[in-house]
Amino acid sequence: MSRIGKLPISIPAGVTVNISDDNKVTVKGPKGEMSQVVDPSIKVNLADGHVTFEIVEENDTVETKQKQAFHGLYRALINNMVVGVSEGYKKQLELVGVGYRVSNQGNLLEFALGYTHPILLQLPSEIKVETKSERNQNPLIILESCDKQLLGQVCAKIRSFRKPEPYKGKGILFVGEQIRRKSGKSAGAK
């Protein structure tokens, strides 16, 4: 058994969880609604405010190691959904570099990152975005969503426009992230 898969998920107030016959779990809450299809080798149980997961032994189409992996995976996915629809997820990205700017019109982000052209990125409707540009501070992008996976994917896409580099520390990075810095060429080494 998976150590993660054994843990029950407690359902907070205001969140409803429905399990259909075809192993589809739907979670509804104040921040949104999400659903996930669970593999038939994992049985999802809903009892007195807790969701539990157990491995189905009679289904031998999937090998035991894969069942154990699914056990932890689906528990983590459903837990992320419950946390997402109740509290939501938030990520902050910072643009470090001279002349780096970002602005948004609705869910359309426009970046100026030192290239010859601006970069435009249309965000999915599930993500709320806010940009901050204050004097003498690095521009910030604040992203919020109930879908942790989608939020991480969008952050990775934004970060790929200018990855942080180790010599000057310029690029797009998460707020609070430490970049391992390297020294440049050794001057006058003979």
Protein backbone atom coordinates (compact mmCIF):
# COMPACT_ATOMS: atom_id res chain seq x y z
CA MET A 1 0.00 0.00 0.00
CA SER A 2 1.03 3.56 -0.61
CA ARG A 3 1.73 5.67 2.48
CA ILE A 4 0.05 8.64 0.81
CA GLY A 5 -2.88 6.55 -0.49
CA LYS A 6 -3.77 5.28 3.00
CA LEU A 7 -4.41 8.81 4.33
CA PRO A 8 -8.08 9.87 4.32
CA ILE A 9 -9.10 13.22 2.84
CA SER A 10 -11.33 15.30 5.12
CA ILE A 11 -13.93 17.35 3.29
CA PRO A 12 -14.19 20.98 4.54
CA ALA A 13 -17.48 22.83 4.97
CA GLY A 14 -18.97 24.12 1.72
CA VAL A 15 -17.35 21.41 -0.43
CA THR A 16 -19.35 18.53 -1.94
CA VAL A 17 -17.84 15.35 -3.37
CA ASN A 18 -19.78 13.07 -5.74
CA ILE A 19 -18.61 9.66 -6.95
CA SER A 20 -20.37 8.29 -10.05
CA ASP A 21 -20.67 4.63 -11.10
CA ASP A 22 -17.94 4.96 -13.75
CA ASN A 23 -15.37 6.02 -11.06
CA LYS A 24 -15.61 9.73 -11.85
CA VAL A 25 -15.04 11.96 -8.81
CA THR A 26 -16.56 15.46 -8.96
CA VAL A 27 -15.63 18.08 -6.35
CA LYS A 28 -17.66 21.30 -6.03
CA GLY A 29 -16.81 24.24 -3.81
CA PRO A 30 -16.89 28.03 -3.51
CA LYS A 31 -13.89 28.51 -5.86
CA GLY A 32 -15.12 26.21 -8.67
CA GLU A 33 -15.84 22.68 -9.79
CA MET A 34 -13.39 19.97 -10.88
CA SER A 35 -13.63 16.31 -11.87
CA GLN A 36 -11.22 13.40 -12.23
CA VAL A 37 -11.71 9.88 -13.62
CA VAL A 38 -10.12 7.29 -11.33
CA ASP A 39 -8.63 4.03 -12.66
CA PRO A 40 -10.88 0.97 -12.04
CA SER A 41 -8.12 -0.71 -9.98
CA ILE A 42 -8.72 1.90 -7.23
CA LYS A 43 -12.01 2.04 -5.27
CA VAL A 44 -13.06 5.46 -3.92
CA ASN A 45 -15.19 5.49 -0.75
CA LEU A 46 -17.10 8.44 0.69
CA ALA A 47 -18.19 8.14 4.33
CA ASP A 48 -18.93 10.65 7.14
CA GLY A 49 -17.00 13.58 5.68
CA HIS A 50 -13.93 11.62 4.56
CA VAL A 51 -12.81 10.22 1.22
CA THR A 52 -10.71 7.04 1.33
CA PHE A 53 -9.02 4.99 -1.37
CA GLU A 54 -8.41 1.25 -1.51
CA ILE A 55 -6.86 -1.10 -4.03
CA VAL A 56 -9.24 -3.55 -5.78
CA GLU A 57 -7.60 -6.97 -5.66
CA GLU A 58 -9.83 -8.98 -8.06
CA ASN A 59 -9.01 -6.74 -11.06
CA ASP A 60 -5.82 -8.42 -12.33
CA THR A 61 -5.46 -6.42 -15.55
CA VAL A 62 -3.04 -4.06 -13.78
CA GLU A 63 0.07 -5.30 -11.99
CA THR A 64 0.52 -4.74 -8.25
CA LYS A 65 3.25 -2.08 -8.48
CA GLN A 66 1.09 -0.02 -10.84
CA LYS A 67 -1.91 -0.34 -8.49
CA GLN A 68 0.20 0.95 -5.60
CA ALA A 69 1.37 3.87 -7.72
CA PHE A 70 -2.23 4.67 -8.70
CA HIS A 71 -3.26 4.47 -5.03
CA GLY A 72 -1.04 7.40 -4.03
CA LEU A 73 -1.53 9.29 -7.31
CA TYR A 74 -5.32 9.46 -7.22
CA ARG A 75 -5.35 10.32 -3.52
CA ALA A 76 -3.00 13.25 -4.21
CA LEU A 77 -5.03 14.42 -7.24
CA ILE A 78 -8.35 14.35 -5.35
CA ASN A 79 -6.75 16.10 -2.34
CA ASN A 80 -5.44 18.85 -4.66
CA MET A 81 -8.96 19.24 -6.06
CA VAL A 82 -10.51 19.54 -2.58
CA VAL A 83 -7.93 22.14 -1.49
CA GLY A 84 -8.29 23.98 -4.82
CA VAL A 85 -12.09 24.40 -4.71
CA SER A 86 -12.05 25.39 -1.03
CA GLU A 87 -8.95 27.63 -0.70
CA GLY A 88 -7.45 27.92 -4.20
CA TYR A 89 -3.81 28.10 -5.25
CA LYS A 90 -1.69 31.21 -5.76
CA LYS A 91 1.71 31.68 -7.45
CA GLN A 92 3.77 34.85 -7.78
CA LEU A 93 6.37 35.37 -10.50
CA GLU A 94 8.92 38.18 -10.53
CA LEU A 95 10.64 39.70 -13.60
CA VAL A 96 14.27 40.52 -12.80
CA GLY A 97 16.12 42.53 -15.44
CA VAL A 98 16.49 46.04 -16.78
CA GLY A 99 13.54 46.94 -19.01
CA TYR A 100 11.57 43.76 -18.28
CA ARG A 101 7.87 44.62 -18.11
CA VAL A 102 4.52 42.87 -18.05
CA SER A 103 0.94 44.09 -18.42
CA ASN A 104 -2.43 42.43 -18.80
CA GLN A 105 -5.76 43.16 -20.45
CA GLY A 106 -8.11 40.59 -18.94
CA ASN A 107 -6.41 37.21 -19.37
CA LEU A 108 -4.01 38.39 -22.11
CA LEU A 109 -0.46 38.96 -20.82
CA GLU A 110 2.01 41.12 -22.74
CA PHE A 111 5.71 40.77 -21.90
CA ALA A 112 8.68 42.98 -22.80
CA LEU A 113 11.70 40.78 -22.01
CA GLY A 114 14.54 42.28 -24.03
CA TYR A 115 13.59 40.63 -27.31
CA THR A 116 12.90 42.61 -30.49
CA HIS A 117 9.18 41.94 -30.13
CA PRO A 118 6.64 41.75 -27.30
CA ILE A 119 5.45 38.29 -26.25
CA LEU A 120 1.68 37.78 -25.94
CA LEU A 121 0.19 34.92 -23.90
CA GLN A 122 -3.53 34.14 -23.65
CA LEU A 123 -4.26 32.48 -20.31
CA PRO A 124 -7.07 29.93 -19.77
CA SER A 125 -10.30 31.28 -18.31
CA GLU A 126 -9.83 29.23 -15.09
CA ILE A 127 -6.83 31.40 -14.10
CA LYS A 128 -7.17 34.88 -12.58
CA VAL A 129 -4.19 37.12 -13.27
CA GLU A 130 -2.98 40.40 -11.78
CA THR A 131 0.17 42.34 -12.63
CA LYS A 132 1.93 44.88 -10.42
CA SER A 133 4.54 47.36 -11.61
CA GLU A 134 5.75 49.67 -8.85
CA ARG A 135 8.60 52.14 -9.04
CA ASN A 136 12.02 50.75 -7.97
CA GLN A 137 10.59 47.22 -7.65
CA ASN A 138 10.58 44.25 -10.00
CA PRO A 139 7.30 43.70 -11.90
CA LEU A 140 5.11 40.95 -10.39
CA ILE A 141 2.64 38.51 -11.92
CA ILE A 142 0.10 37.05 -9.46
CA LEU A 143 -1.75 33.98 -10.72
CA GLU A 144 -4.67 32.32 -8.90
CA SER A 145 -6.64 29.19 -9.76
CA CYS A 146 -8.42 26.20 -8.23
CA ASP A 147 -6.54 23.82 -10.58
CA LYS A 148 -3.02 23.21 -9.22
CA GLN A 149 -1.85 21.31 -12.31
CA LEU A 150 -3.00 23.98 -14.77
CA LEU A 151 -1.49 26.75 -12.63
CA GLY A 152 1.89 25.01 -12.53
CA GLN A 153 1.82 24.43 -16.28
CA VAL A 154 1.07 28.11 -17.00
CA CYS A 155 3.84 29.21 -14.60
CA ALA A 156 6.30 26.91 -16.37
CA LYS A 157 5.26 28.35 -19.75
CA ILE A 158 5.73 31.94 -18.54
CA ARG A 159 9.09 31.05 -16.97
CA SER A 160 10.28 29.47 -20.24
CA PHE A 161 10.20 32.89 -21.97
CA ARG A 162 13.29 33.98 -19.95
CA LYS A 163 14.72 31.35 -17.63
CA PRO A 164 16.81 32.72 -14.74
CA GLU A 165 20.48 32.73 -15.65
CA PRO A 166 23.25 32.16 -13.06
CA TYR A 167 25.66 35.00 -13.95
CA LYS A 168 23.55 38.15 -13.47
CA GLY A 169 20.43 36.52 -12.00
CA LYS A 170 18.16 37.97 -14.69
CA GLY A 171 14.98 36.25 -15.88
CA ILE A 172 11.52 35.24 -14.66
CA LEU A 173 11.56 33.54 -11.28
CA PHE A 174 9.20 32.68 -8.44
CA VAL A 175 9.04 35.17 -5.55
CA GLY A 176 11.51 34.05 -2.90
CA GLU A 177 13.39 31.66 -5.21
CA GLN A 178 17.17 31.61 -4.76
CA ILE A 179 19.26 31.33 -7.93
CA ARG A 180 22.65 29.64 -7.63
CA ARG A 181 25.04 32.31 -8.81
CA LYS A 182 28.30 31.70 -10.68
CA SER A 183 31.27 33.99 -10.93
CA GLY A 184 32.27 35.14 -14.38
CA LYS A 185 35.63 34.71 -16.04
CA SER A 186 38.64 34.93 -13.75
CA ALA A 187 40.38 38.21 -14.58
CA GLY A 188 44.09 37.99 -15.26
CA ALA A 189 44.54 34.26 -14.56
CA LYS A 190 47.82 33.14 -16.09
